[in-house]
Protein backbone atom coordinates (compact mmCIF):
# COMPACT_ATOMS: atom_id res chain seq x y z
CA UNK A 1 40.99 285.65 -15.19
CA UNK A 2 38.08 283.55 -15.82
CA UNK A 3 35.10 283.33 -13.32
CA UNK A 4 35.41 280.40 -11.08
CA UNK A 5 32.02 278.96 -9.87
CA UNK A 6 32.15 278.95 -6.00
CA UNK A 7 32.76 275.15 -4.81
CA UNK A 8 32.75 273.98 -1.38
CA UNK A 9 35.22 271.23 -1.01
CA UNK A 10 34.42 270.16 2.44
CA UNK A 11 32.09 271.10 5.14
CA UNK A 12 33.33 273.89 7.54
CA UNK A 13 34.98 272.47 10.77
CA UNK A 14 32.69 272.40 13.82
CA UNK A 15 33.98 271.90 17.28
CA UNK A 16 31.85 268.80 17.42
CA UNK A 17 33.96 267.39 14.50
CA UNK A 18 37.39 267.93 16.08
CA UNK A 19 36.15 267.00 19.52
CA UNK A 20 35.00 263.80 17.73
CA UNK A 21 38.50 263.51 16.28
CA UNK A 22 40.22 263.97 19.49
CA UNK A 23 37.88 261.39 21.41
CA UNK A 24 38.50 258.78 18.73
CA UNK A 25 42.33 258.97 19.39
CA UNK A 26 41.45 258.45 23.26
CA UNK A 27 38.83 255.77 22.60
CA UNK A 28 41.44 253.87 20.28
CA UNK A 29 43.98 253.73 23.17
CA UNK A 30 41.77 251.76 25.09
CA UNK A 31 41.86 248.81 22.90
CA UNK A 32 45.79 249.71 22.40
CA UNK A 33 45.88 251.42 19.39
CA UNK A 34 48.02 254.42 19.22
CA UNK A 35 48.34 257.05 16.43
CA UNK A 36 50.46 255.87 13.53
CA UNK A 37 52.58 258.95 13.43
CA UNK A 38 53.49 261.37 16.28
CA UNK A 39 50.91 264.01 17.17
CA UNK A 40 53.50 266.65 17.40
CA UNK A 41 54.79 267.62 13.94
CA UNK A 42 58.07 268.62 15.41
CA UNK A 43 58.58 264.83 16.22
CA UNK A 44 57.91 263.59 12.62
CA UNK A 45 61.33 264.19 11.32
CA UNK A 46 63.14 261.96 13.89
CA UNK A 47 60.73 259.29 13.35
CA UNK A 48 60.88 259.57 9.58
CA UNK A 49 64.55 259.00 9.50
CA UNK A 50 64.32 255.32 10.50
CA UNK A 51 62.05 254.77 7.59
CA UNK A 52 64.22 256.29 4.67
CA UNK A 53 67.64 255.92 2.98
CA UNK A 54 70.39 258.21 4.39
CA UNK A 55 70.52 260.13 0.89
CA UNK A 56 66.66 260.19 0.74
CA UNK A 57 66.29 261.59 4.16
CA UNK A 58 69.19 264.06 3.72
CA UNK A 59 67.48 265.37 0.33
CA UNK A 60 63.93 265.83 2.10
CA UNK A 61 65.30 267.43 5.55
CA UNK A 62 68.11 269.49 4.60
CA UNK A 63 68.58 273.15 4.17
CA UNK A 64 71.07 275.44 2.57
CA UNK A 65 74.42 276.02 4.06
CA UNK A 66 74.62 276.08 7.92
CA UNK A 67 70.69 275.65 7.96
CA UNK A 68 70.27 279.06 9.66
CA UNK A 69 67.15 279.68 7.63
CA UNK A 70 65.53 276.47 8.80
CA UNK A 71 65.93 277.75 12.32
CA UNK A 72 65.01 281.32 11.29
CA UNK A 73 61.58 279.86 10.14
CA UNK A 74 60.76 278.42 13.56
CA UNK A 75 61.95 281.40 15.62
CA UNK A 76 59.94 283.67 13.65
CA UNK A 77 57.07 281.86 14.81
CA UNK A 78 58.35 281.27 18.31
CA UNK A 79 58.94 285.09 18.72
CA UNK A 80 55.19 285.74 18.96
CA UNK A 81 52.75 284.81 21.62
CA UNK A 82 49.08 284.28 21.42
CA UNK A 83 46.68 286.36 23.76
CA UNK A 84 43.42 284.17 24.25
CA UNK A 85 40.12 285.85 24.94
CA UNK A 86 37.62 284.19 27.10
CA UNK A 87 33.95 283.77 27.84
CA UNK A 88 32.85 283.97 24.17
CA UNK A 89 30.53 281.36 22.62
CA UNK A 90 32.97 279.06 20.86
CA UNK A 91 30.59 276.03 20.69
CA UNK A 92 30.44 276.50 16.98
CA UNK A 93 33.48 277.60 14.90
CA UNK A 94 34.24 278.09 11.24
CA UNK A 95 37.54 277.50 10.08
CA UNK A 96 36.65 277.78 6.47
CA UNK A 97 38.27 280.25 3.92
CA UNK A 98 37.73 281.26 0.56
CA UNK A 99 40.48 281.38 -2.34
CA UNK A 100 39.94 282.43 -5.89
CA UNK A 101 36.30 281.41 -5.56
CA UNK A 102 36.84 278.10 -3.93
CA UNK A 103 35.71 277.58 -0.42
CA UNK A 104 38.05 275.32 1.69
CA UNK A 105 37.22 273.72 4.93
CA UNK A 106 40.48 275.27 6.59
CA UNK A 107 43.24 277.65 5.75
CA UNK A 108 45.79 274.89 5.24
CA UNK A 109 47.34 273.38 1.84
CA UNK A 110 49.93 270.93 0.97
CA UNK A 111 53.36 272.49 -0.41
CA UNK A 112 54.74 271.21 -3.69
CA UNK A 113 57.46 268.55 -2.63
CA UNK A 114 59.52 266.62 -5.55
CA UNK A 115 60.64 263.18 -5.73
CA UNK A 116 58.22 261.72 -3.03
CA UNK A 117 59.39 258.00 -4.04
CA UNK A 118 62.14 258.93 -1.60
CA UNK A 119 59.89 258.66 1.01
CA UNK A 120 57.29 256.03 0.01
CA UNK A 121 56.71 253.80 -2.97
CA UNK A 122 53.26 254.87 -3.72
CA UNK A 123 54.67 258.43 -3.79
CA UNK A 124 52.41 261.20 -4.87
CA UNK A 125 49.46 258.91 -5.36
CA UNK A 126 49.18 258.23 -1.63
CA UNK A 127 49.35 261.87 -0.79
CA UNK A 128 46.55 262.64 -3.36
CA UNK A 129 44.38 259.88 -1.97
CA UNK A 130 44.91 261.34 1.57
CA UNK A 131 43.93 264.88 0.26
CA UNK A 132 40.75 263.17 -1.24
CA UNK A 133 40.02 261.44 2.14
CA UNK A 134 40.47 264.65 4.10
CA UNK A 135 39.42 267.47 1.89
CA UNK A 136 42.91 269.00 1.81
CA UNK A 137 43.98 271.04 -1.10
CA UNK A 138 47.59 270.11 -2.64
CA UNK A 139 50.01 271.94 -4.80
CA UNK A 140 51.53 269.33 -7.34
CA UNK A 141 54.99 269.78 -7.88
CA UNK A 142 56.92 270.01 -11.23
CA UNK A 143 59.31 267.50 -9.67
CA UNK A 144 56.90 264.83 -8.77
CA UNK A 145 57.54 261.14 -9.56
CA UNK A 146 54.00 260.76 -10.81
CA UNK A 147 52.60 262.50 -13.97
CA UNK A 148 50.19 265.30 -12.92
CA UNK A 149 47.34 263.56 -14.74
CA UNK A 150 47.72 260.67 -12.46
CA UNK A 151 47.68 262.67 -9.30
CA UNK A 152 44.66 264.60 -10.04
CA UNK A 153 42.82 261.37 -11.07
CA UNK A 154 43.50 260.01 -7.62
CA UNK A 155 41.94 263.30 -5.79
CA UNK A 156 38.88 264.18 -8.00
CA UNK A 157 36.87 265.92 -5.33
CA UNK A 158 39.93 267.77 -3.65
CA UNK A 159 41.24 271.01 -4.98
CA UNK A 160 44.69 271.09 -6.65
CA UNK A 161 47.04 273.68 -7.94
CA UNK A 162 50.12 272.99 -10.14
CA UNK A 163 53.59 274.28 -9.08
CA UNK A 164 55.49 275.45 -12.22
CA UNK A 165 59.23 275.61 -12.63
CA UNK A 166 59.95 277.58 -15.87
CA UNK A 167 62.31 275.60 -17.89
CA UNK A 168 64.50 276.90 -20.64
CA UNK A 169 62.31 275.39 -23.22
CA UNK A 170 59.25 277.97 -23.69
CA UNK A 171 57.23 275.19 -25.54
CA UNK A 172 57.83 272.63 -22.48
CA UNK A 173 56.64 275.33 -20.20
CA UNK A 174 53.64 276.11 -22.29
CA UNK A 175 52.86 272.20 -22.41
CA UNK A 176 53.16 272.02 -18.71
CA UNK A 177 50.59 274.77 -18.14
CA UNK A 178 48.13 273.35 -20.91
CA UNK A 179 48.53 269.81 -19.20
CA UNK A 180 47.61 271.43 -15.68
CA UNK A 181 44.68 273.00 -17.14
CA UNK A 182 43.22 269.88 -18.78
CA UNK A 183 43.87 267.77 -15.53
CA UNK A 184 41.71 270.16 -13.62
CA UNK A 185 44.13 272.17 -11.78
CA UNK A 186 42.82 275.44 -10.29
CA UNK A 187 45.74 277.74 -10.23
CA UNK A 188 49.50 278.05 -11.29
CA UNK A 189 52.19 278.66 -8.85
CA UNK A 190 55.28 279.67 -10.37
CA UNK A 191 58.38 279.11 -8.03
CA UNK A 192 60.86 281.98 -8.69
CA UNK A 193 63.59 281.35 -5.98
CA UNK A 194 65.34 278.63 -8.02
CA UNK A 195 67.35 280.34 -10.42
CA UNK A 196 69.84 277.64 -9.48
CA UNK A 197 69.94 275.16 -6.62
CA UNK A 198 71.08 276.18 -3.17
CA UNK A 199 74.25 275.06 -1.69
CA UNK A 200 72.97 272.14 0.50
CA UNK A 201 75.84 270.83 2.35
CA UNK A 202 74.28 267.39 3.46
CA UNK A 203 73.19 266.70 -0.04
CA UNK A 204 76.80 267.37 -1.24
CA UNK A 205 78.23 265.27 1.64
CA UNK A 206 76.01 262.37 0.35
CA UNK A 207 76.83 263.55 -3.28
CA UNK A 208 73.21 262.65 -3.79
CA UNK A 209 70.82 263.93 -6.26
CA UNK A 210 67.41 262.14 -6.96
CA UNK A 211 67.05 263.64 -10.26
CA UNK A 212 70.24 262.15 -11.56
CA UNK A 213 68.71 258.84 -10.61
CA UNK A 214 65.50 259.50 -12.76
CA UNK A 215 63.57 260.35 -9.56
CA UNK A 216 61.35 263.43 -9.56
CA UNK A 217 61.23 263.96 -13.40
CA UNK A 218 57.69 262.27 -14.30
CA UNK A 219 56.29 265.61 -15.37
CA UNK A 220 59.19 265.87 -17.94
CA UNK A 221 59.25 262.31 -19.12
CA UNK A 222 55.62 262.39 -19.57
CA UNK A 223 55.51 265.34 -21.60
CA UNK A 224 55.37 265.25 -25.46
CA UNK A 225 57.56 268.24 -25.80
CA UNK A 226 60.19 266.79 -23.58
CA UNK A 227 60.04 263.64 -25.34
CA UNK A 228 60.90 265.62 -28.85
CA UNK A 229 63.68 267.39 -26.81
CA UNK A 230 65.29 264.30 -25.83
CA UNK A 231 66.06 263.55 -29.51
CA UNK A 232 67.81 266.95 -30.00
CA UNK A 233 71.70 267.32 -29.31
CA UNK A 234 72.78 269.38 -26.52
CA UNK A 235 73.95 272.98 -27.53
CA UNK A 236 76.55 272.72 -24.92
CA UNK A 237 78.20 269.74 -26.52
CA UNK A 238 78.67 266.19 -25.05
CA UNK A 239 78.14 265.67 -21.52
CA UNK A 240 81.03 264.63 -19.44
CA UNK A 241 80.91 260.68 -18.57
CA UNK A 242 81.32 259.68 -15.06
CA UNK A 243 83.91 257.00 -14.17
CA UNK A 244 82.62 253.55 -14.39
CA UNK A 245 82.20 251.97 -11.02
CA UNK A 246 79.64 249.64 -9.58
CA UNK A 247 77.67 252.62 -8.42
CA UNK A 248 77.64 254.04 -11.72
CA UNK A 249 75.98 250.81 -13.13
CA UNK A 250 73.36 250.98 -10.47
CA UNK A 251 72.60 254.46 -11.19
CA UNK A 252 72.08 253.53 -14.85
CA UNK A 253 69.66 250.60 -13.63
CA UNK A 254 67.75 253.17 -11.52
CA UNK A 255 67.59 255.63 -14.38
CA UNK A 256 66.02 252.77 -16.56
CA UNK A 257 63.50 251.82 -13.88
CA UNK A 258 62.59 255.46 -13.04
CA UNK A 259 61.34 256.57 -16.52
CA UNK A 260 58.44 255.21 -18.65
CA UNK A 261 58.87 251.92 -20.46
CA UNK A 262 60.22 248.70 -20.00
CA UNK A 263 63.51 248.30 -17.85
CA UNK A 264 65.47 246.44 -20.30
CA UNK A 265 64.45 248.19 -23.34
CA UNK A 266 65.42 251.51 -21.53
CA UNK A 267 68.62 250.10 -20.57
CA UNK A 268 69.62 249.08 -24.21
CA UNK A 269 68.41 252.43 -25.73
CA UNK A 270 69.88 254.46 -23.11
CA UNK A 271 66.50 256.27 -22.53
CA UNK A 272 67.04 256.75 -18.81
CA UNK A 273 70.37 258.38 -19.18
CA UNK A 274 69.07 260.61 -22.03
CA UNK A 275 65.96 261.60 -20.05
CA UNK A 276 68.24 262.57 -17.15
CA UNK A 277 70.62 264.57 -19.06
CA UNK A 278 67.77 266.41 -20.97
CA UNK A 279 66.03 267.44 -17.71
CA UNK A 280 69.51 268.40 -16.37
CA UNK A 281 70.01 270.89 -19.22
CA UNK A 282 66.48 272.44 -19.22
CA UNK A 283 65.43 272.44 -15.49
CA UNK A 284 66.53 276.02 -14.35
CA UNK A 285 66.19 279.23 -16.06
CA UNK A 286 68.25 281.72 -14.40
CA UNK A 287 67.28 284.81 -16.91
CA UNK A 288 63.60 284.77 -15.74
CA UNK A 289 62.52 288.34 -15.21
CA UNK A 290 59.49 290.17 -14.04
CA UNK A 291 58.34 290.87 -17.50
CA UNK A 292 57.93 287.06 -18.14
CA UNK A 293 54.94 287.12 -15.74
CA UNK A 294 52.79 288.72 -18.50
CA UNK A 295 53.79 285.92 -20.95
CA UNK A 296 52.76 283.32 -18.35
CA UNK A 297 49.34 285.18 -17.83
CA UNK A 298 48.89 284.81 -21.55
CA UNK A 299 49.47 281.24 -21.56
CA UNK A 300 46.30 280.42 -19.15
CA UNK A 301 43.14 281.76 -17.88
CA UNK A 302 43.86 280.21 -14.25
CA UNK A 303 44.96 282.41 -11.44
CA UNK A 304 48.93 282.77 -11.28
CA UNK A 305 50.67 282.94 -7.93
CA UNK A 306 54.29 283.72 -7.45
CA UNK A 307 55.97 281.61 -4.94
CA UNK A 308 59.33 282.55 -3.35
CA UNK A 309 58.77 286.29 -2.32
CA UNK A 310 60.19 287.57 1.02
CA UNK A 311 60.81 291.25 0.15
CA UNK A 312 57.92 293.66 0.37
CA UNK A 313 59.37 295.49 -2.82
CA UNK A 314 59.04 292.06 -4.75
CA UNK A 315 55.44 291.94 -3.34
CA UNK A 316 54.58 295.26 -4.86
CA UNK A 317 56.25 294.32 -8.20
CA UNK A 318 54.16 291.11 -8.11
CA UNK A 319 51.03 293.05 -8.20
CA UNK A 320 52.27 295.52 -10.93
CA UNK A 321 52.99 292.64 -13.13
CA UNK A 322 49.57 291.04 -12.80
CA UNK A 323 50.03 288.22 -10.23
CA UNK A 324 46.94 287.05 -8.83
CA UNK A 325 48.42 285.94 -5.55
CA UNK A 326 51.79 285.41 -3.50
CA UNK A 327 53.39 282.73 -1.55
CA UNK A 328 55.77 284.12 0.99
CA UNK A 329 58.32 281.30 1.04
CA UNK A 330 62.10 280.95 1.30
CA UNK A 331 61.83 277.38 -0.28
CA UNK A 332 61.79 275.86 3.33
CA UNK A 333 65.31 277.15 4.06
CA UNK A 334 66.78 275.28 1.06
CA UNK A 335 67.95 278.16 -1.14
CA UNK A 336 69.52 281.21 0.77
CA UNK A 337 71.21 280.41 4.14
CA UNK A 338 70.76 283.10 6.55
CA UNK A 339 67.55 284.38 4.76
CA UNK A 340 64.62 286.03 6.72
CA UNK A 341 62.06 283.85 8.55
CA UNK A 342 58.87 283.78 6.44
CA UNK A 343 56.54 284.91 9.22
CA UNK A 344 58.91 288.16 9.73
CA UNK A 345 58.66 288.50 5.90
CA UNK A 346 54.95 288.22 6.10
CA UNK A 347 54.74 291.14 8.52
CA UNK A 348 56.16 293.54 5.89
CA UNK A 349 54.55 292.10 2.76
CA UNK A 350 51.07 292.04 4.35
CA UNK A 351 51.61 295.75 4.87
CA UNK A 352 52.69 296.32 1.24
CA UNK A 353 49.70 294.22 -0.25
CA UNK A 354 46.93 295.60 1.93
CA UNK A 355 44.52 292.74 0.84
CA UNK A 356 44.74 293.49 -2.77
CA UNK A 357 45.54 289.75 -3.61
CA UNK A 358 45.48 286.71 -1.57
CA UNK A 359 49.02 286.39 0.30
CA UNK A 360 50.08 282.68 1.53
CA UNK A 361 52.96 281.53 3.36
CA UNK A 362 55.25 278.35 3.86
CA UNK A 363 58.23 277.62 5.95
CA UNK A 364 58.39 276.37 9.60
CA UNK A 365 54.77 275.68 10.27
CA UNK A 366 54.40 272.89 12.67
CA UNK A 367 51.26 273.69 14.71
CA UNK A 368 47.89 275.04 14.83
CA UNK A 369 49.34 277.92 17.03
CA UNK A 370 51.63 278.64 13.78
CA UNK A 371 48.75 278.51 11.48
CA UNK A 372 46.97 281.14 13.78
CA UNK A 373 49.96 283.39 14.01
CA UNK A 374 50.25 283.29 10.27
CA UNK A 375 46.69 284.22 9.71
CA UNK A 376 46.90 286.98 12.46
CA UNK A 377 49.61 288.55 10.33
CA UNK A 378 47.59 288.69 7.20
CA UNK A 379 48.10 285.28 5.42
CA UNK A 380 45.08 283.89 3.52
CA UNK A 381 46.10 280.43 4.17
CA UNK A 382 49.29 278.39 5.15
CA UNK A 383 51.19 275.66 3.21
CA UNK A 384 53.12 272.61 4.88
CA UNK A 385 55.54 270.63 3.48
CA UNK A 386 58.01 268.42 5.13
CA UNK A 387 55.52 267.12 7.94
CA UNK A 388 53.36 265.41 5.26
CA UNK A 389 56.32 263.97 3.34
CA UNK A 390 57.57 262.46 6.96
CA UNK A 391 54.06 261.12 7.38
CA UNK A 392 54.19 259.47 4.22
CA UNK A 393 57.52 257.81 4.95
CA UNK A 394 56.34 256.58 8.36
CA UNK A 395 52.73 255.22 7.30
CA UNK A 396 51.92 255.93 3.67
CA UNK A 397 48.55 257.38 2.85
CA UNK A 398 47.23 256.85 6.39
CA UNK A 399 50.38 258.64 7.84
CA UNK A 400 49.56 261.67 5.56
CA UNK A 401 45.95 261.71 6.53
CA UNK A 402 46.96 261.81 10.25
CA UNK A 403 49.37 264.51 9.84
CA UNK A 404 46.48 266.48 7.80
CA UNK A 405 43.85 265.80 10.58
CA UNK A 406 46.26 266.44 13.46
CA UNK A 407 46.92 269.91 12.12
CA UNK A 408 43.64 270.84 11.25
CA UNK A 409 42.15 269.78 14.72
CA UNK A 410 45.24 271.58 16.30
CA UNK A 411 44.22 274.75 14.62
CA UNK A 412 40.53 274.54 15.32
CA UNK A 413 41.27 274.09 19.10
CA UNK A 414 43.58 277.12 18.88
CA UNK A 415 40.83 279.13 17.43
CA UNK A 416 38.14 277.99 19.95
CA UNK A 417 40.54 278.39 23.10
CA UNK A 418 41.47 281.93 21.73
CA UNK A 419 38.11 282.94 21.58
CA UNK A 420 37.90 283.04 17.56
CA UNK A 421 34.59 281.79 16.10
CA UNK A 422 35.78 282.28 12.56
CA UNK A 423 38.95 282.97 10.43
CA UNK A 424 38.07 286.61 10.16
CA UNK A 425 38.08 287.02 13.83
CA UNK A 426 41.88 285.97 13.82
CA UNK A 427 43.83 289.15 13.76
CA UNK A 428 47.10 291.05 14.91
CA UNK A 429 45.11 291.98 18.11
CA UNK A 430 45.52 288.34 19.13
CA UNK A 431 49.16 288.31 19.28
CA UNK A 432 51.97 289.85 21.43
CA UNK A 433 55.53 289.98 20.69
CA UNK A 434 57.36 287.97 23.16
CA UNK A 435 59.84 290.99 23.89
CA UNK A 436 57.37 293.48 24.45
CA UNK A 437 57.14 295.09 27.88
């Protein structure tokens, strides 16, 4: 892995910073100005539903099957209690962490979320600008509705990584990695828990997929390899044609609008439909194996993280096959119903990894206390997903900024009030299992 020069993206958080932020909220209230988004991240979903189309909201909020894994993620955090220590000097706290030679002001990052035009017309650009304004790192999605080059250009001073879905085309996978490097991304995050899409009942009830409408495929349609593959015949023969209805025509119009080029030109040439069909046949690669990690490592000098690990044996294999980091994730409960909650998975994975490589976690994080508990169990950092998408739906860029600042402040207050002056002081001794006697 190439040596990375240490760079500090924002100043470490101090208690004066978070006091000022909290005070500003109360002072705004004097003139009748309330926060744009709910302070409690758990309340964001219900508010965001008012701003989103039913199919779009369902896609963002749904989980697999009976959505037991969504519940398991939250229950895992709720099963542990913080035991604060008192009479420690917490007038100054440092919430910063270091990852792969980069110093971050807090141990919080934004997860990759696809098709953010479902939430707001400014989509990923609004999120990138919010990251730039707050110093928040962002993991850019392969399923974004904006090309990665435009996203990174909107956040020149904030850290970004690129999340990779390994497609059926090796050439296109290489092209994605090369573009990520050229765009200034500092790591590649390979998502490995999507050999196929999960059985998501709410999406199926709506019969809704954003990708079939040309949303969330901008990384593909902007890629030179993909553009060549569009002209090649499918190995599976002709794609079945849907029945022609008013909705079919509306979908064709949406496809033509959502891919590069002029609307009427795309409609006449069938470019929108061709883009969607090419994406559908290339997206997933169910035959991906551990030995492919070495091939990815050969494609790039950037750190490679494996996202989607919940079993300690897979964490061990990730180290054996050269992964530079792990993200403990069950895909936000969207893939396997009844899966283990990620905080419970982290407990055994941290014991297996023993600090050899960074371990991050996502899934169910909704408060500063949740961030604290994850760090206590050995996480190097945490990633949040749906909350910032809901903030985007409610209030665009400013909504994302408030979600970020609220969580960062909440975590800083949790650290201080628990007697921890730096992230290194957050440990398992700070927690108690709620059923312990």
